[in-house]
Structures are given as structure tokens and as C-alpha cells.
């Protein structure tokens, strides 16, 4: 997630040479590509943490420090 990023609310998921932009509310890729196994992990994590991700999106828009979100274990 980057400060002053464009809508829709999203984050950047990077794996090896792949990168995708994940729409937080729809929990889907709207740009880029991740291998299917990795995308499954990312979408599971996003579903579990949608509220925290949206809170961080709002914090980024206000130029505030982003909070850590627990990894998928």
C-alpha cells in the first residue's frame, strides 16, 4: 500500500517477478498477475483482514503511519 495512491482502495502484492494490485473491497486482482497458488493465499489473507486493510487505506490517505497486519499462518 502506498501513500497518495489512486482509487479503488487496494494494495500491491509482490511474489518473485510477479506483482498484482488487489482491490480490497472486491478481493480481486484488477491489474497484474500472481500465480494461482499465490493468489489463493493472498485472497484468503485479504478476506480475513479486509477491515484492517481498509483502515490502513484510510490512514494512508490521511498520511498517517500504517499499522501492521498479521500474516497468514
C-alpha atoms as a PDB file:
ATOM      1  CA  UNK A   1       0.000   0.000   0.000  1.00  0.00           C
ATOM      2  CA  UNK A   2       1.346   3.401  -0.932  1.00  0.00           C
ATOM      3  CA  UNK A   3       0.547   6.878   0.338  1.00  0.00           C
ATOM      4  CA  UNK A   4      -1.340   9.052  -2.163  1.00  0.00           C
ATOM      5  CA  UNK A   5      -2.221   6.023  -4.272  1.00  0.00           C
ATOM      6  CA  UNK A   6      -5.196   6.033  -6.656  1.00  0.00           C
ATOM      7  CA  UNK A   7      -8.635   4.521  -6.131  1.00  0.00           C
ATOM      8  CA  UNK A   8     -10.021   1.903  -5.811  1.00  0.00           C
ATOM      9  CA  UNK A   9      -8.693   1.052  -2.338  1.00  0.00           C
ATOM     10  CA  UNK A  10      -6.040  -1.566  -2.989  1.00  0.00           C
ATOM     11  CA  UNK A  11      -2.649  -2.958  -2.086  1.00  0.00           C
ATOM     12  CA  UNK A  12       0.271  -4.269  -4.110  1.00  0.00           C
ATOM     13  CA  UNK A  13       1.071  -7.967  -3.743  1.00  0.00           C
ATOM     14  CA  UNK A  14       4.558  -8.965  -4.927  1.00  0.00           C
ATOM     15  CA  UNK A  15       5.851 -12.503  -5.376  1.00  0.00           C
ATOM     16  CA  UNK A  16       9.158 -13.197  -7.168  1.00  0.00           C
ATOM     17  CA  UNK A  17       8.920 -11.357 -10.501  1.00  0.00           C
ATOM     18  CA  UNK A  18       5.111 -11.057 -10.295  1.00  0.00           C
ATOM     19  CA  UNK A  19       3.052  -8.152  -8.987  1.00  0.00           C
ATOM     20  CA  UNK A  20      -0.693  -7.631  -8.760  1.00  0.00           C
ATOM     21  CA  UNK A  21      -2.917  -4.869  -7.466  1.00  0.00           C
ATOM     22  CA  UNK A  22      -5.639  -6.291  -5.229  1.00  0.00           C
ATOM     23  CA  UNK A  23      -8.934  -4.438  -4.803  1.00  0.00           C
ATOM     24  CA  UNK A  24      -9.604  -4.610  -1.057  1.00  0.00           C
ATOM     25  CA  UNK A  25     -13.402  -4.400  -1.221  1.00  0.00           C
ATOM     26  CA  UNK A  26     -13.860  -6.867  -4.100  1.00  0.00           C
ATOM     27  CA  UNK A  27     -10.892  -9.050  -3.055  1.00  0.00           C
ATOM     28  CA  UNK A  28      -9.783  -9.498  -6.644  1.00  0.00           C
ATOM     29  CA  UNK A  29      -6.895  -8.603  -8.925  1.00  0.00           C
ATOM     30  CA  UNK A  30      -7.585  -5.547 -11.059  1.00  0.00           C
ATOM     31  CA  UNK A  31      -4.091  -5.214 -12.506  1.00  0.00           C
ATOM     32  CA  UNK A  32      -1.112  -7.517 -12.876  1.00  0.00           C
ATOM     33  CA  UNK A  33      -0.734 -11.233 -12.217  1.00  0.00           C
ATOM     34  CA  UNK A  34       0.084 -13.702  -9.444  1.00  0.00           C
ATOM     35  CA  UNK A  35       0.448 -17.461  -9.901  1.00  0.00           C
ATOM     36  CA  UNK A  36      -2.762 -19.289  -8.891  1.00  0.00           C
ATOM     37  CA  UNK A  37      -1.358 -20.812  -5.669  1.00  0.00           C
ATOM     38  CA  UNK A  38      -0.045 -17.439  -4.508  1.00  0.00           C
ATOM     39  CA  UNK A  39      -3.265 -15.669  -5.490  1.00  0.00           C
ATOM     40  CA  UNK A  40      -5.216 -18.167  -3.364  1.00  0.00           C
ATOM     41  CA  UNK A  41      -3.098 -17.326  -0.331  1.00  0.00           C
ATOM     42  CA  UNK A  42      -3.418 -13.578  -0.950  1.00  0.00           C
ATOM     43  CA  UNK A  43      -7.210 -13.708  -1.372  1.00  0.00           C
ATOM     44  CA  UNK A  44      -7.588 -15.806   1.788  1.00  0.00           C
ATOM     45  CA  UNK A  45      -5.473 -13.301   3.748  1.00  0.00           C
ATOM     46  CA  UNK A  46      -7.402 -10.363   2.264  1.00  0.00           C
ATOM     47  CA  UNK A  47     -10.743 -11.899   3.274  1.00  0.00           C
ATOM     48  CA  UNK A  48      -9.518 -12.334   6.839  1.00  0.00           C
ATOM     49  CA  UNK A  49      -8.178  -8.774   7.095  1.00  0.00           C
ATOM     50  CA  UNK A  50     -10.474  -6.602   4.956  1.00  0.00           C
ATOM     51  CA  UNK A  51     -11.334  -4.258   7.824  1.00  0.00           C
ATOM     52  CA  UNK A  52      -7.671  -3.737   8.782  1.00  0.00           C
ATOM     53  CA  UNK A  53      -6.748  -3.194   5.128  1.00  0.00           C
ATOM     54  CA  UNK A  54      -9.480  -0.565   4.695  1.00  0.00           C
ATOM     55  CA  UNK A  55      -8.400   1.092   7.952  1.00  0.00           C
ATOM     56  CA  UNK A  56      -4.829   1.252   6.623  1.00  0.00           C
ATOM     57  CA  UNK A  57      -6.081   2.618   3.296  1.00  0.00           C
ATOM     58  CA  UNK A  58      -7.845   5.416   5.186  1.00  0.00           C
ATOM     59  CA  UNK A  59      -4.727   6.019   7.299  1.00  0.00           C
ATOM     60  CA  UNK A  60      -2.571   6.255   4.152  1.00  0.00           C
ATOM     61  CA  UNK A  61      -4.956   8.789   2.627  1.00  0.00           C
ATOM     62  CA  UNK A  62      -4.543  10.902   5.794  1.00  0.00           C
ATOM     63  CA  UNK A  63      -0.730  10.485   5.613  1.00  0.00           C
ATOM     64  CA  UNK A  64      -0.707   8.529   8.913  1.00  0.00           C
ATOM     65  CA  UNK A  65       1.510   5.601   9.840  1.00  0.00           C
ATOM     66  CA  UNK A  66       0.120   2.278   8.642  1.00  0.00           C
ATOM     67  CA  UNK A  67      -0.488  -0.463  11.187  1.00  0.00           C
ATOM     68  CA  UNK A  68       0.979  -3.951  10.832  1.00  0.00           C
ATOM     69  CA  UNK A  69      -1.410  -6.706   9.819  1.00  0.00           C
ATOM     70  CA  UNK A  70      -0.820 -10.271  10.960  1.00  0.00           C
ATOM     71  CA  UNK A  71       0.449 -12.653   8.279  1.00  0.00           C
ATOM     72  CA  UNK A  72      -1.433 -15.775   7.239  1.00  0.00           C
ATOM     73  CA  UNK A  73      -0.011 -18.587   9.354  1.00  0.00           C
END
